[in-house]
Amino acid sequence: MHRIIVTLLTISVLVACGAPAAGPTAPAASPTVAGTPTNSRPPTPTRDPRLPTLPPRITPGPTATPFPLEAGWWDGAVCYEIFVRSFYDSDGDGNGDLNGIIAKLDYLNDGDPNTTTDLGINCIWLMPVAEAASYHGYDTIDYYTVERDYGTNEDFKRLVAKAEKRGIKIIIDLVLNHTSTQHPWFQEALRDPNSPYRDWYLWSAIDPGYRGPFGNNVVWHKSPIRDEYYYGVFWGGMPDLNYRNSAVIAEAYKIARFWVEEMGVAGFRLDAIKHLIEYYTLQEDTVETFEWLREFRRFLDRELPGTFTIGEVFNGNPRTLAAYYPDQLDYYFEFEVANQTRGAANTGLSRLFMQAVQDAYTKLPYQRWAPFLTNHDQNRVMSVLGDDVAKAKLAALALLTMPGLPFIYYGEEIGMLGVKPDERIRTPMQWTKEEFGGFSAGIPWQQPQSDYPVKNVMLQDQDPESLLNTYRQLIHLHVNTPALATGDFWPLTANGASVAAYIRRSGEDMVLVVINFGKVPTPSFTLSSGESDLPAGTYRVSTLFGTPPAPLAPLTIADGRIVEYQSGIEIPAQTGYMFRLER
């Protein structure tokens, strides 16, 4: 195994997210013989020797057969994304910290399955927690030390232990694509061309002259020390690591081992994975990246079995994610489903939402994908939905009843607002109506949103119809209902362009979901289906979520089909229901 990795990944120096483009070329020679026309073919232009050497391409391995994951805690999980700096400040310095999360664990999950006053999540994704140069943490300085603003390594271990007692798993951002320019590795490589760390990064004697994948961004950055350039696909403060270097690979494995074995994490969200290894001007989704991820998975399976992984492939959808399955990471975020869930809640139309979910379910293997509404890189969903609570409840209902492993961004459950720049979509959690939203006894690193006096956990906790209590109910249903947690997905045809309807089924557990995204009531709705393996029979229909105006008529399935089922009820505008189907 080690020999294979070394052979594959030490073949040459190249960037971890964008290879050098062709630079200046030597002029073609055109010799002539006196009196003789020069019809000979000109020689092939040579590559400027000052540019990085192009490595040979690798041959992709055989395609693996899609497979389900082994049973694990991820079955039925609901994950909650936390930006530590903004969640809760325990010591009054203005920065959220690990002890602040510990103080709020009962809000997330009190460990008692018989209560529903907690949120009910059983997985936390922490945005970067290692020592970093910037507030956000994605420019790492020390992979083995917790960010000093957040606490200590011992604080982190205590958080993991207390979360585990409540049935909560902790996963962290693993930022492997790049470091900070302030990282000691880069500083040594920058100052000493003979340093062993020199080949941990990507260099060029001249500017290769091509741009990056984010709207023509600069990717080759001038060294502040000498007349040369280094590669950083995101910006000059985050130079890419060189994953064609076996020493860099070994360090990545060491980092993963440290956080699993020493710090106790259950897994990783891998940041920016589509940029890991570039080839020439191909700066994303390369075969070299796919092979690296396969080797990383093999390492985890062999050395750290049971470690969960989920990858960020920005704007991932069934087409762009296809090459990342099935033998690389466990899960990937599904951005198109997120787009269309928000779109349905905003427009009142269901077709594109249903199509996106069906495509993800049928084209991505074994529900190994993660739906969400928005994350830390996007305007908050409540801002996208115009601060409309009814729309936000519909989006939450859709998110927590569709297939896959759902993720929730902190504050989403109370409808926090936020529009870029990034600092304003990562503002402090709004706990109370008191000064700074009860986030800190000091001056917070970032001012909370201005609506915190009327939109906070304290006020919504007391309102049974609040968005917070809707999230609580939906999360508990998702976690405790096998059909919603891991069940099959069967789309239904409903009358009306605003209605989305589907059945989730796990064995004998069957749930019918009906959502009217529209701004007007539906007439008495009807449902039909294509062929399926749904068990034949006549089913009693009882309410799991929502308050329909009347009981529904029994539903009959014959030969795997539902034919013009007459519900007997209207659905009010912007309303959704869940029903249990029992024979």
Protein backbone atom coordinates (compact mmCIF):
# COMPACT_ATOMS: atom_id res chain seq x y z
CA MET A 1 0.00 0.00 0.00
CA HIS A 2 2.78 2.45 0.94
CA ARG A 3 4.67 1.69 -2.27
CA ILE A 4 1.56 2.44 -4.32
CA ILE A 5 1.04 5.78 -2.59
CA VAL A 6 4.65 6.83 -3.04
CA THR A 7 4.65 5.87 -6.71
CA LEU A 8 1.43 7.72 -7.37
CA LEU A 9 2.01 10.87 -5.42
CA THR A 10 5.71 11.69 -5.67
CA ILE A 11 5.93 11.77 -9.43
CA SER A 12 6.43 15.55 -9.56
CA VAL A 13 5.84 18.94 -8.00
CA LEU A 14 2.46 20.45 -8.79
CA VAL A 15 -0.16 22.42 -7.01
CA ALA A 16 -2.92 21.00 -4.93
CA CYS A 17 -5.60 22.93 -6.75
CA GLY A 18 -4.44 24.32 -10.05
CA ALA A 19 -1.54 23.35 -12.24
CA PRO A 20 0.68 25.75 -14.09
CA ALA A 21 -0.47 26.83 -17.48
CA ALA A 22 1.76 27.14 -20.47
CA GLY A 23 3.94 30.19 -20.14
CA PRO A 24 6.28 31.90 -22.59
CA THR A 25 7.73 29.60 -25.23
CA ALA A 26 10.97 29.72 -27.12
CA PRO A 27 10.62 31.14 -30.64
CA ALA A 28 10.36 28.49 -33.33
CA ALA A 29 13.51 28.21 -35.50
CA SER A 30 13.02 28.60 -39.26
CA PRO A 31 16.31 27.89 -41.03
CA THR A 32 16.60 28.45 -44.77
CA VAL A 33 18.96 27.31 -47.47
CA ALA A 34 19.95 29.99 -49.97
CA GLY A 35 17.63 29.88 -52.96
CA THR A 36 15.41 27.15 -51.45
CA PRO A 37 11.85 27.78 -50.14
CA THR A 38 11.26 26.75 -46.47
CA ASN A 39 8.25 24.43 -46.60
CA SER A 40 9.43 22.28 -43.68
CA ARG A 41 7.16 21.93 -40.62
CA PRO A 42 8.28 24.23 -37.76
CA PRO A 43 9.50 22.49 -34.61
CA THR A 44 7.14 22.09 -31.64
CA PRO A 45 7.44 25.04 -29.26
CA THR A 46 9.29 24.14 -26.09
CA ARG A 47 7.95 24.83 -22.61
CA ASP A 48 9.69 27.62 -20.75
CA PRO A 49 12.12 25.87 -18.35
CA ARG A 50 11.31 28.41 -15.65
CA LEU A 51 7.82 26.94 -15.32
CA PRO A 52 7.14 23.97 -13.01
CA THR A 53 7.65 20.58 -14.61
CA LEU A 54 4.41 18.96 -15.71
CA PRO A 55 3.89 15.59 -14.04
CA PRO A 56 2.62 12.60 -15.99
CA ARG A 57 -1.11 11.90 -15.74
CA ILE A 58 -2.19 8.88 -13.77
CA THR A 59 -4.34 6.07 -15.08
CA PRO A 60 -7.63 5.87 -13.16
CA GLY A 61 -8.27 2.62 -11.34
CA PRO A 62 -11.26 0.41 -12.07
CA THR A 63 -14.67 1.79 -11.13
CA ALA A 64 -15.96 0.29 -7.90
CA THR A 65 -19.48 -1.05 -7.53
CA PRO A 66 -21.66 1.28 -5.44
CA PHE A 67 -22.12 0.04 -1.90
CA PRO A 68 -24.04 1.10 1.21
CA LEU A 69 -22.17 2.13 4.31
CA GLU A 70 -22.09 -0.21 7.24
CA ALA A 71 -24.67 0.59 9.90
CA GLY A 72 -23.49 3.39 12.18
CA TRP A 73 -24.45 6.46 14.16
CA TRP A 74 -24.96 8.35 10.89
CA ASP A 75 -28.11 6.32 10.27
CA GLY A 76 -30.87 8.63 11.40
CA ALA A 77 -28.52 11.43 12.48
CA VAL A 78 -29.27 15.13 12.18
CA CYS A 79 -26.11 17.28 12.17
CA TYR A 80 -25.81 20.85 13.44
CA GLU A 81 -23.10 23.15 12.07
CA ILE A 82 -21.46 25.45 14.63
CA PHE A 83 -19.09 28.35 14.10
CA VAL A 84 -17.45 28.22 17.53
CA ARG A 85 -16.53 31.92 17.58
CA SER A 86 -20.22 32.84 17.34
CA PHE A 87 -22.08 30.23 19.39
CA TYR A 88 -21.62 31.18 23.07
CA ASP A 89 -18.92 33.07 24.94
CA SER A 90 -18.26 31.52 28.37
CA ASP A 91 -15.55 33.89 29.58
CA GLY A 92 -16.59 37.35 28.39
CA ASP A 93 -13.75 37.96 25.94
CA GLY A 94 -16.18 38.45 23.03
CA ASN A 95 -15.37 35.16 21.31
CA GLY A 96 -17.45 32.02 21.45
CA ASP A 97 -15.52 29.07 22.81
CA LEU A 98 -15.60 25.34 23.49
CA ASN A 99 -16.74 25.80 27.08
CA GLY A 100 -19.59 27.88 25.69
CA ILE A 101 -20.73 24.94 23.59
CA ILE A 102 -20.51 22.70 26.66
CA ALA A 103 -22.74 25.17 28.52
CA LYS A 104 -25.36 24.92 25.75
CA LEU A 105 -25.30 21.16 25.17
CA ASP A 106 -28.67 20.67 26.84
CA TYR A 107 -30.17 23.07 24.30
CA LEU A 108 -28.85 20.84 21.52
CA ASN A 109 -29.60 17.47 23.13
CA ASP A 110 -30.23 16.90 26.84
CA GLY A 111 -29.53 13.19 26.57
CA ASP A 112 -33.07 12.17 27.60
CA PRO A 113 -34.96 10.56 24.70
CA ASN A 114 -38.26 11.14 26.51
CA THR A 115 -38.03 14.94 26.38
CA THR A 116 -38.67 17.18 23.38
CA THR A 117 -37.65 20.52 24.87
CA ASP A 118 -34.15 20.14 23.41
CA LEU A 119 -33.36 20.50 19.74
CA GLY A 120 -32.71 16.77 19.42
CA ILE A 121 -29.64 16.82 17.17
CA ASN A 122 -27.15 13.97 17.57
CA CYS A 123 -24.21 15.23 15.51
CA ILE A 124 -22.24 18.49 15.65
CA TRP A 125 -20.02 19.74 12.85
CA LEU A 126 -17.53 22.27 14.19
CA MET A 127 -16.08 24.70 11.69
CA PRO A 128 -12.25 24.85 11.96
CA VAL A 129 -10.98 24.57 15.54
CA ALA A 130 -7.21 24.45 14.98
CA GLU A 131 -4.97 27.48 15.52
CA ALA A 132 -5.34 29.76 12.51
CA ALA A 133 -4.38 33.19 11.22
CA SER A 134 -7.89 34.53 10.52
CA TYR A 135 -11.15 34.69 12.44
CA HIS A 136 -12.75 31.96 10.30
CA GLY A 137 -10.05 29.33 10.86
CA TYR A 138 -9.59 28.09 7.31
CA ASP A 139 -5.95 29.28 7.17
CA THR A 140 -4.31 26.88 9.60
CA ILE A 141 -1.12 27.69 11.50
CA ASP A 142 -0.98 24.60 13.75
CA TYR A 143 -3.01 21.47 13.00
CA TYR A 144 -2.37 19.97 16.43
CA THR A 145 -3.43 22.83 18.72
CA VAL A 146 -6.91 24.21 19.37
CA GLU A 147 -7.41 27.85 18.42
CA ARG A 148 -6.45 29.85 21.52
CA ASP A 149 -9.61 31.99 21.31
CA TYR A 150 -11.65 28.79 21.66
CA GLY A 151 -9.80 27.19 24.57
CA THR A 152 -7.34 24.31 24.90
CA ASN A 153 -6.95 20.75 23.69
CA GLU A 154 -8.22 19.63 27.09
CA ASP A 155 -11.35 21.78 26.66
CA PHE A 156 -11.95 20.05 23.34
CA LYS A 157 -11.62 16.58 24.87
CA ARG A 158 -14.04 17.57 27.61
CA LEU A 159 -16.56 18.75 25.00
CA VAL A 160 -16.30 15.43 23.16
CA ALA A 161 -16.82 13.46 26.38
CA LYS A 162 -19.84 15.49 27.52
CA ALA A 163 -21.38 15.39 24.04
CA GLU A 164 -20.93 11.62 23.89
CA LYS A 165 -22.90 11.23 27.14
CA ARG A 166 -25.81 12.93 25.37
CA GLY A 167 -25.52 10.78 22.27
CA ILE A 168 -23.89 13.53 20.21
CA LYS A 169 -21.00 12.81 17.84
CA ILE A 170 -18.47 15.54 17.03
CA ILE A 171 -17.03 15.97 13.54
CA ILE A 172 -14.62 18.76 12.63
CA ASP A 173 -13.55 20.63 9.54
CA LEU A 174 -10.37 19.06 8.18
CA VAL A 175 -8.66 21.73 6.07
CA LEU A 176 -6.09 19.87 4.02
CA ASN A 177 -6.03 21.76 0.74
CA HIS A 178 -3.96 24.66 2.05
CA THR A 179 -2.33 26.25 5.09
CA SER A 180 -1.81 29.84 6.14
CA THR A 181 1.24 31.69 4.85
CA GLN A 182 2.04 32.04 8.56
CA HIS A 183 2.33 28.28 9.03
CA PRO A 184 5.92 27.35 9.96
CA TRP A 185 6.07 24.93 7.03
CA PHE A 186 5.41 27.69 4.53
CA GLN A 187 7.62 30.22 6.28
CA GLU A 188 10.57 27.86 6.10
CA ALA A 189 9.84 26.94 2.49
CA LEU A 190 9.53 30.63 1.59
CA ARG A 191 12.85 31.61 3.12
CA ASP A 192 14.97 28.58 2.26
CA PRO A 193 14.76 27.04 -1.23
CA ASN A 194 16.71 24.05 0.12
CA SER A 195 14.28 23.42 2.98
CA PRO A 196 12.66 19.95 3.16
CA TYR A 197 9.35 21.86 3.28
CA ARG A 198 10.01 23.53 -0.07
CA ASP A 199 8.32 20.72 -1.99
CA TRP A 200 5.33 20.81 0.38
CA TYR A 201 4.08 23.79 -1.67
CA LEU A 202 4.03 24.76 -5.34
CA TRP A 203 6.44 27.21 -6.89
CA SER A 204 7.25 28.80 -10.21
CA ALA A 205 10.18 30.99 -11.20
CA ILE A 206 7.81 33.10 -13.32
CA ASP A 207 4.09 33.77 -13.23
CA PRO A 208 2.48 30.95 -15.27
CA GLY A 209 -0.10 33.49 -16.31
CA TYR A 210 -3.41 31.67 -15.96
CA ARG A 211 -6.30 32.37 -13.66
CA GLY A 212 -8.35 30.30 -11.24
CA PRO A 213 -11.80 28.73 -11.23
CA PHE A 214 -13.58 31.44 -9.22
CA GLY A 215 -14.38 34.10 -11.75
CA ASN A 216 -10.88 34.61 -13.12
CA ASN A 217 -9.21 34.89 -9.71
CA VAL A 218 -5.43 35.13 -9.31
CA VAL A 219 -3.90 31.80 -8.27
CA TRP A 220 -0.15 32.44 -8.63
CA HIS A 221 1.08 34.90 -6.01
CA LYS A 222 4.34 36.86 -5.88
CA SER A 223 6.70 35.81 -3.12
CA PRO A 224 7.53 38.60 -0.66
CA ILE A 225 11.09 37.22 -0.34
CA ARG A 226 12.42 36.66 -3.87
CA ASP A 227 11.49 36.85 -7.54
CA GLU A 228 9.23 33.79 -7.72
CA TYR A 229 5.58 32.73 -7.33
CA TYR A 230 3.63 30.27 -5.21
CA TYR A 231 0.24 28.71 -5.89
CA GLY A 232 -2.89 29.34 -3.80
CA VAL A 233 -6.23 28.69 -5.45
CA PHE A 234 -8.27 30.70 -2.92
CA TRP A 235 -6.02 33.68 -2.19
CA GLY A 236 -2.45 34.63 -1.44
CA GLY A 237 -2.82 34.04 2.30
CA MET A 238 -3.63 30.35 1.82
CA PRO A 239 -0.95 28.55 -0.23
CA ASP A 240 -1.95 25.09 -1.49
CA LEU A 241 -0.19 21.99 -0.23
CA ASN A 242 1.43 19.65 -2.73
CA TYR A 243 -0.25 16.24 -2.49
CA ARG A 244 2.09 14.73 -5.05
CA ASN A 245 4.65 14.74 -2.22
CA SER A 246 4.54 11.59 -0.09
CA ALA A 247 5.70 13.56 2.97
CA VAL A 248 2.63 15.79 2.73
CA ILE A 249 0.40 12.74 2.45
CA ALA A 250 2.00 11.20 5.52
CA GLU A 251 1.41 14.44 7.44
CA ALA A 252 -2.26 14.52 6.41
CA TYR A 253 -2.67 10.99 7.72
CA LYS A 254 -0.90 11.96 10.94
CA ILE A 255 -3.26 14.91 11.42
CA ALA A 256 -6.32 12.70 10.91
CA ARG A 257 -4.97 10.12 13.35
CA PHE A 258 -4.33 12.80 15.97
CA TRP A 259 -7.87 14.15 15.89
CA VAL A 260 -9.47 10.70 16.00
CA GLU A 261 -7.18 8.94 18.47
CA GLU A 262 -6.05 11.81 20.69
CA MET A 263 -8.95 14.23 20.51
CA GLY A 264 -11.86 11.82 20.07
CA VAL A 265 -13.64 13.15 17.00
CA ALA A 266 -16.05 10.85 15.16
CA GLY A 267 -15.15 12.11 11.71
CA PHE A 268 -14.33 14.94 9.34
CA ARG A 269 -15.94 17.39 7.01
CA LEU A 270 -13.26 17.76 4.32
CA ASP A 271 -13.05 21.29 3.01
CA ALA A 272 -12.57 22.20 -0.67
CA ILE A 273 -11.79 18.65 -1.75
CA LYS A 274 -12.33 19.21 -5.46
CA HIS A 275 -9.19 21.39 -5.48
CA LEU A 276 -6.78 18.97 -3.77
CA ILE A 277 -4.61 18.06 -6.77
CA GLU A 278 -4.59 19.97 -10.02
CA TYR A 279 -3.08 19.17 -13.37
CA TYR A 280 -1.89 22.08 -15.47
CA THR A 281 -4.88 24.44 -15.79
CA LEU A 282 -7.31 21.78 -14.54
CA GLN A 283 -7.86 23.04 -11.02
CA GLU A 284 -10.79 20.95 -9.82
CA ASP A 285 -12.23 17.43 -10.06
CA THR A 286 -9.05 15.80 -11.40
CA VAL A 287 -8.44 12.06 -11.56
CA GLU A 288 -5.47 12.62 -9.26
CA THR A 289 -7.81 14.08 -6.63
CA PHE A 290 -10.17 11.11 -6.93
CA GLU A 291 -7.30 8.67 -6.47
CA TRP A 292 -6.00 10.60 -3.45
CA LEU A 293 -9.42 10.44 -1.81
CA ARG A 294 -9.59 6.68 -2.48
CA GLU A 295 -6.25 6.22 -0.74
CA PHE A 296 -7.37 8.41 2.15
CA ARG A 297 -10.47 6.28 2.60
CA ARG A 298 -8.37 3.10 2.51
CA PHE A 299 -6.12 4.58 5.18
CA LEU A 300 -9.11 5.39 7.39
CA ASP A 301 -10.69 1.97 6.86
CA ARG A 302 -7.41 0.28 7.72
CA GLU A 303 -6.10 2.46 10.53
CA LEU A 304 -9.10 4.38 11.92
CA PRO A 305 -12.15 2.23 11.11
CA GLY A 306 -15.54 3.83 11.63
CA THR A 307 -14.28 7.36 10.98
CA PHE A 308 -17.04 9.30 9.22
CA THR A 309 -16.24 11.55 6.25
CA ILE A 310 -18.28 14.09 4.32
CA GLY A 311 -16.89 16.18 1.50
CA GLU A 312 -17.53 19.72 0.33
CA VAL A 313 -17.74 19.85 -3.46
CA PHE A 314 -19.17 23.34 -3.84
CA ASN A 315 -22.32 23.35 -6.00
CA GLY A 316 -22.33 19.55 -5.92
CA ASN A 317 -25.21 17.83 -7.72
CA PRO A 318 -25.73 14.32 -9.16
CA ARG A 319 -23.73 15.17 -12.29
CA THR A 320 -20.73 16.81 -10.62
CA LEU A 321 -20.69 14.39 -7.69
CA ALA A 322 -20.88 11.20 -9.76
CA ALA A 323 -17.09 10.84 -10.02
CA TYR A 324 -16.70 11.03 -6.21
CA TYR A 325 -18.62 7.81 -5.59
CA PRO A 326 -18.59 5.13 -4.43
CA ASP A 327 -15.13 4.37 -3.00
CA GLN A 328 -13.98 7.81 -1.87
CA LEU A 329 -15.70 9.64 1.01
CA ASP A 330 -18.85 8.49 2.80
CA TYR A 331 -21.15 11.45 2.07
CA TYR A 332 -21.14 14.72 0.10
CA PHE A 333 -23.23 17.87 0.42
CA GLU A 334 -25.96 18.15 -2.22
CA PHE A 335 -26.25 21.80 -3.26
CA GLU A 336 -28.90 21.43 -5.94
CA VAL A 337 -31.38 19.97 -3.46
CA ALA A 338 -30.64 22.94 -1.18
CA ASN A 339 -31.20 25.38 -4.06
CA GLN A 340 -34.51 23.84 -5.04
CA THR A 341 -35.79 23.51 -1.46
CA ARG A 342 -35.29 27.24 -0.98
CA GLY A 343 -36.72 27.83 -4.43
CA ALA A 344 -39.92 25.89 -3.72
CA ALA A 345 -40.46 27.73 -0.44
CA ASN A 346 -39.94 31.06 -2.20
CA THR A 347 -41.85 30.53 -5.46
CA GLY A 348 -44.60 28.24 -4.21
CA LEU A 349 -43.86 25.74 -7.00
CA SER A 350 -42.95 22.14 -6.22
CA ARG A 351 -41.79 20.56 -9.50
CA LEU A 352 -38.09 21.49 -9.43
CA PHE A 353 -37.85 20.56 -5.77
CA MET A 354 -39.34 17.12 -6.39
CA GLN A 355 -37.07 16.61 -9.41
CA ALA A 356 -33.93 17.56 -7.47
CA VAL A 357 -34.72 15.18 -4.61
CA GLN A 358 -35.62 12.35 -6.99
CA ASP A 359 -32.41 12.87 -8.98
CA ALA A 360 -30.28 12.80 -5.84
CA TYR A 361 -32.09 9.72 -4.52
CA THR A 362 -31.79 7.72 -7.74
CA LYS A 363 -28.38 8.87 -9.00
CA LEU A 364 -26.32 9.11 -5.80
CA PRO A 365 -25.82 5.73 -4.14
CA TYR A 366 -27.63 4.56 -1.03
CA GLN A 367 -28.62 8.03 0.24
CA ARG A 368 -24.95 8.87 0.78
CA TRP A 369 -25.59 12.59 0.39
CA ALA A 370 -26.43 15.43 2.75
CA PRO A 371 -29.25 17.92 2.18
CA PHE A 372 -29.17 21.34 3.85
CA LEU A 373 -30.72 24.79 3.38
CA THR A 374 -27.70 27.11 3.56
CA ASN A 375 -24.28 27.02 5.19
CA HIS A 376 -21.53 29.38 6.38
CA ASP A 377 -20.61 30.37 2.80
CA GLN A 378 -24.10 31.46 1.74
CA ASN A 379 -26.61 34.11 2.67
CA ARG A 380 -28.72 32.70 5.49
CA VAL A 381 -31.88 30.89 4.44
CA MET A 382 -34.14 33.27 6.39
CA SER A 383 -32.74 36.21 4.43
CA VAL A 384 -33.22 34.30 1.17
CA LEU A 385 -36.85 33.64 2.19
CA GLY A 386 -37.55 37.28 2.98
CA ASP A 387 -37.78 36.75 6.74
CA ASP A 388 -41.01 34.79 6.19
CA VAL A 389 -41.63 32.30 9.01
CA ALA A 390 -44.21 30.31 7.03
CA LYS A 391 -41.68 29.75 4.23
CA ALA A 392 -38.98 28.81 6.74
CA LYS A 393 -41.26 26.17 8.31
CA LEU A 394 -41.95 24.64 4.87
CA ALA A 395 -38.23 24.51 4.08
CA ALA A 396 -37.57 22.82 7.44
CA LEU A 397 -40.34 20.28 6.83
CA ALA A 398 -38.91 19.44 3.40
CA LEU A 399 -35.33 19.21 4.72
CA LEU A 400 -36.18 16.88 7.58
CA THR A 401 -38.43 14.51 5.62
CA MET A 402 -36.36 13.94 2.46
CA PRO A 403 -33.69 11.20 2.10
CA GLY A 404 -30.06 11.71 3.09
CA LEU A 405 -28.29 13.04 6.19
CA PRO A 406 -29.66 16.55 6.97
CA PHE A 407 -27.45 19.41 8.19
CA ILE A 408 -28.68 22.53 9.97
CA TYR A 409 -26.66 25.77 10.27
CA TYR A 410 -26.63 27.21 13.80
CA GLY A 411 -29.37 29.82 14.29
CA GLU A 412 -31.35 28.54 11.33
CA GLU A 413 -33.82 27.05 13.79
CA ILE A 414 -34.75 30.50 15.11
CA GLY A 415 -34.68 32.22 11.71
CA MET A 416 -31.47 34.23 12.11
CA LEU A 417 -30.81 36.63 9.25
CA GLY A 418 -27.50 37.21 7.49
CA VAL A 419 -26.31 38.55 4.14
CA LYS A 420 -22.68 38.63 2.98
CA PRO A 421 -19.94 39.71 3.65
CA ASP A 422 -19.03 36.46 5.37
CA GLU A 423 -18.73 37.97 8.84
CA ARG A 424 -22.42 38.93 8.66
CA ILE A 425 -23.59 35.41 7.86
CA ARG A 426 -21.60 34.13 10.88
CA THR A 427 -22.89 36.52 13.54
CA PRO A 428 -23.38 35.58 17.22
CA MET A 429 -26.17 33.21 18.18
CA GLN A 430 -29.22 35.05 19.52
CA TRP A 431 -30.01 33.46 22.87
CA THR A 432 -32.00 36.14 24.69
CA LYS A 433 -33.40 39.66 24.24
CA GLU A 434 -30.68 41.02 26.53
CA GLU A 435 -27.69 43.04 25.33
CA PHE A 436 -25.79 41.30 22.49
CA GLY A 437 -28.45 38.60 22.42
CA GLY A 438 -27.10 36.97 25.55
CA PHE A 439 -24.09 35.77 23.55
CA SER A 440 -21.37 37.43 25.64
CA ALA A 441 -20.88 39.44 28.80
CA GLY A 442 -18.21 41.39 26.91
CA ILE A 443 -18.09 43.13 23.54
CA PRO A 444 -18.70 40.44 20.90
CA TRP A 445 -16.22 39.92 18.09
CA GLN A 446 -19.07 40.79 15.70
CA GLN A 447 -22.28 42.62 16.48
CA PRO A 448 -25.38 40.39 16.42
CA GLN A 449 -28.15 40.97 13.91
CA SER A 450 -30.32 43.95 14.84
CA ASP A 451 -33.47 41.85 15.33
CA TYR A 452 -32.10 39.88 18.29
CA PRO A 453 -34.44 41.57 20.84
CA VAL A 454 -37.48 40.04 19.08
CA LYS A 455 -35.90 36.93 17.54
CA ASN A 456 -34.08 34.72 20.02
CA VAL A 457 -34.16 31.32 21.70
CA MET A 458 -35.71 32.63 24.93
CA LEU A 459 -38.81 34.08 23.25
CA GLN A 460 -39.34 31.23 20.80
CA ASP A 461 -38.91 28.62 23.51
CA GLN A 462 -42.15 29.89 25.09
CA ASP A 463 -44.17 29.88 21.85
CA PRO A 464 -45.46 26.44 20.79
CA GLU A 465 -45.96 27.72 17.22
CA SER A 466 -42.47 29.20 16.88
CA LEU A 467 -39.95 28.20 14.25
CA LEU A 468 -37.72 26.81 17.01
CA ASN A 469 -40.42 24.46 18.27
CA THR A 470 -41.19 23.41 14.71
CA TYR A 471 -37.54 22.41 14.27
CA ARG A 472 -37.57 20.57 17.58
CA GLN A 473 -40.62 18.54 16.57
CA LEU A 474 -39.28 17.75 13.09
CA ILE A 475 -35.81 16.73 14.29
CA HIS A 476 -37.20 14.39 16.94
CA LEU A 477 -39.52 12.84 14.34
CA HIS A 478 -36.65 12.38 11.89
CA VAL A 479 -34.37 10.73 14.44
CA ASN A 480 -37.05 8.44 15.90
CA THR A 481 -38.96 7.45 12.75
CA PRO A 482 -37.16 4.78 10.69
CA ALA A 483 -39.02 5.73 7.51
CA LEU A 484 -37.70 9.30 7.74
CA ALA A 485 -34.24 8.35 8.99
CA THR A 486 -33.25 5.79 6.37
CA GLY A 487 -36.39 4.80 4.44
CA ASP A 488 -36.95 4.55 0.71
CA PHE A 489 -38.35 7.53 -1.19
CA TRP A 490 -41.41 7.24 -3.44
CA PRO A 491 -42.52 10.42 -5.24
CA LEU A 492 -46.25 10.89 -5.77
CA THR A 493 -48.18 12.93 -8.30
CA ALA A 494 -50.55 15.45 -6.73
CA ASN A 495 -53.04 17.82 -8.30
CA GLY A 496 -51.78 21.38 -8.29
CA ALA A 497 -48.36 22.86 -9.16
CA SER A 498 -47.73 23.89 -5.57
CA VAL A 499 -48.08 20.47 -3.91
CA ALA A 500 -45.15 18.15 -3.21
CA ALA A 501 -46.04 14.65 -2.00
CA TYR A 502 -43.99 11.54 -1.29
CA ILE A 503 -43.88 8.39 0.79
CA ARG A 504 -40.92 7.35 2.94
CA ARG A 505 -40.82 3.67 3.88
CA SER A 506 -38.61 1.42 6.03
CA GLY A 507 -40.11 -2.05 6.36
CA GLU A 508 -43.55 -1.69 7.90
CA ASP A 509 -42.92 1.93 8.88
CA MET A 510 -44.49 4.21 6.24
CA VAL A 511 -44.89 7.99 6.27
CA LEU A 512 -46.77 10.17 3.79
CA VAL A 513 -45.53 13.78 3.40
CA VAL A 514 -47.70 16.41 1.71
CA ILE A 515 -46.53 20.04 1.39
CA ASN A 516 -48.43 22.95 -0.15
CA PHE A 517 -45.70 25.46 -0.99
CA GLY A 518 -48.26 27.81 -2.57
CA LYS A 519 -49.74 31.02 -1.20
CA VAL A 520 -53.34 29.85 -1.74
CA PRO A 521 -55.13 26.79 -0.38
CA THR A 522 -55.31 23.65 -2.51
CA PRO A 523 -58.60 22.02 -3.38
CA SER A 524 -59.17 18.57 -1.95
CA PHE A 525 -55.96 16.92 -3.10
CA THR A 526 -55.57 13.65 -4.96
CA LEU A 527 -52.49 11.42 -5.10
CA SER A 528 -51.24 8.88 -7.63
CA SER A 529 -48.00 6.94 -8.06
CA GLY A 530 -46.12 4.93 -10.63
CA GLU A 531 -44.95 1.38 -10.07
CA SER A 532 -43.30 0.69 -6.74
CA ASP A 533 -42.63 -2.07 -4.24
CA LEU A 534 -44.96 -0.50 -1.70
CA PRO A 535 -46.92 -3.30 0.01
CA ALA A 536 -50.49 -3.74 -1.20
CA GLY A 537 -53.29 -2.97 1.22
CA THR A 538 -55.64 -0.39 2.57
CA TYR A 539 -53.94 1.93 5.06
CA ARG A 540 -55.28 3.98 7.93
CA VAL A 541 -53.95 7.54 7.79
CA SER A 542 -53.03 9.16 11.12
CA THR A 543 -51.37 12.53 11.68
CA LEU A 544 -47.71 12.77 12.71
CA PHE A 545 -47.10 16.48 12.07
CA GLY A 546 -49.43 19.39 11.49
CA THR A 547 -53.15 19.82 12.13
CA PRO A 548 -55.23 18.89 9.07
CA PRO A 549 -58.78 20.28 8.94
CA ALA A 550 -60.27 16.77 9.03
CA PRO A 551 -59.17 13.12 9.15
CA LEU A 552 -57.96 11.70 5.85
CA ALA A 553 -59.70 8.88 4.05
CA PRO A 554 -57.99 5.45 4.05
CA LEU A 555 -55.40 5.03 1.29
CA THR A 556 -55.27 1.94 -0.92
CA ILE A 557 -52.18 0.55 -2.65
CA ALA A 558 -52.82 -2.13 -5.28
CA ASP A 559 -50.04 -3.81 -7.28
CA GLY A 560 -47.59 -1.20 -6.04
CA ARG A 561 -49.67 1.72 -7.30
CA ILE A 562 -51.78 4.48 -5.84
CA VAL A 563 -54.52 5.45 -8.28
CA GLU A 564 -56.34 8.76 -7.78
CA TYR A 565 -56.43 8.64 -4.01
CA GLN A 566 -59.01 11.16 -2.79
CA SER A 567 -57.81 12.73 0.46
CA GLY A 568 -61.03 14.52 1.27
CA ILE A 569 -59.27 17.61 2.66
CA GLU A 570 -57.93 20.91 1.44
CA ILE A 571 -54.44 22.09 2.43
CA PRO A 572 -54.20 25.69 3.62
CA ALA A 573 -51.67 28.00 2.00
CA GLN A 574 -48.01 27.35 2.94
CA THR A 575 -48.83 24.31 5.04
CA GLY A 576 -47.46 20.81 5.23
CA TYR A 577 -48.35 17.56 6.96
CA MET A 578 -46.89 14.20 7.83
CA PHE A 579 -49.10 11.13 8.12
CA ARG A 580 -48.37 7.60 9.29
CA LEU A 581 -49.75 4.83 7.07
CA GLU A 582 -50.74 1.65 8.91
CA ARG A 583 -52.56 -1.46 7.70
